[in-house]
């Protein structure tokens, strides 16, 4: 299951986009969004999702 970004909580800082190893996070309007088709949840690369760890506003959760 992919992760999602709560648009109301996203500050648009870009930390998640930078840390995403699969390139699944892009700016959409004024906030970031995760492409569920590209999101691998960092499986096989990291022990936990890097976007969640990088987000300073806790705006990222499992969809």
Protein backbone atom coordinates (compact mmCIF):
# COMPACT_ATOMS: atom_id res chain seq x y z
CA UNK A 1 0.00 0.00 0.00
CA UNK A 2 1.41 3.37 -0.98
CA UNK A 3 1.78 6.41 1.22
CA UNK A 4 -0.06 9.70 0.85
CA UNK A 5 0.61 13.31 1.78
CA UNK A 6 -2.04 15.28 3.67
CA UNK A 7 -2.26 18.47 1.60
CA UNK A 8 -3.54 20.43 4.59
CA UNK A 9 -0.51 19.52 6.68
CA UNK A 10 2.16 19.69 3.93
CA UNK A 11 4.36 22.77 4.19
CA UNK A 12 5.88 22.30 0.73
CA UNK A 13 9.43 22.06 2.11
CA UNK A 14 10.49 19.34 -0.37
CA UNK A 15 12.34 17.12 2.11
CA UNK A 16 10.25 14.10 1.11
CA UNK A 17 10.91 14.54 -2.61
CA UNK A 18 14.65 14.69 -2.04
CA UNK A 19 14.68 11.52 0.11
CA UNK A 20 12.38 9.37 -2.08
CA UNK A 21 14.52 6.67 -3.75
CA UNK A 22 11.85 5.79 -6.32
CA UNK A 23 11.10 9.33 -7.51
CA UNK A 24 7.43 8.94 -6.56
CA UNK A 25 7.02 12.39 -4.98
CA UNK A 26 6.47 15.52 -7.07
CA UNK A 27 5.06 19.00 -6.53
CA UNK A 28 1.36 19.20 -7.36
CA UNK A 29 0.04 22.73 -7.08
CA UNK A 30 1.37 24.22 -3.85
CA UNK A 31 2.07 20.91 -2.08
CA UNK A 32 3.69 17.56 -2.78
CA UNK A 33 1.91 14.37 -3.83
CA UNK A 34 2.96 10.72 -3.97
CA UNK A 35 2.39 8.72 -7.16
CA UNK A 36 0.98 5.44 -5.80
CA UNK A 37 2.10 3.62 -8.95
CA UNK A 38 5.74 4.52 -8.31
CA UNK A 39 5.81 4.29 -4.51
CA UNK A 40 7.65 1.17 -3.34
CA UNK A 41 7.45 2.11 0.36
CA UNK A 42 11.27 1.88 0.20
CA UNK A 43 11.05 -1.92 0.40
CA UNK A 44 14.34 -3.55 -0.48
CA UNK A 45 16.18 -0.25 -0.12
CA UNK A 46 15.50 0.99 3.43
CA UNK A 47 13.98 -0.52 6.56
CA UNK A 48 11.29 2.18 6.70
CA UNK A 49 9.80 4.78 4.30
CA UNK A 50 12.23 7.66 3.95
CA UNK A 51 9.54 10.23 3.15
CA UNK A 52 7.86 9.65 6.52
CA UNK A 53 11.16 10.08 8.35
CA UNK A 54 12.01 13.23 6.38
CA UNK A 55 8.69 15.05 6.78
CA UNK A 56 8.98 17.73 9.50
CA UNK A 57 5.19 18.25 9.65
CA UNK A 58 4.16 14.57 9.91
CA UNK A 59 2.00 15.01 6.80
CA UNK A 60 2.77 11.57 5.32
CA UNK A 61 0.89 8.40 6.22
CA UNK A 62 -0.18 5.10 4.65
CA UNK A 63 -3.06 5.48 2.25
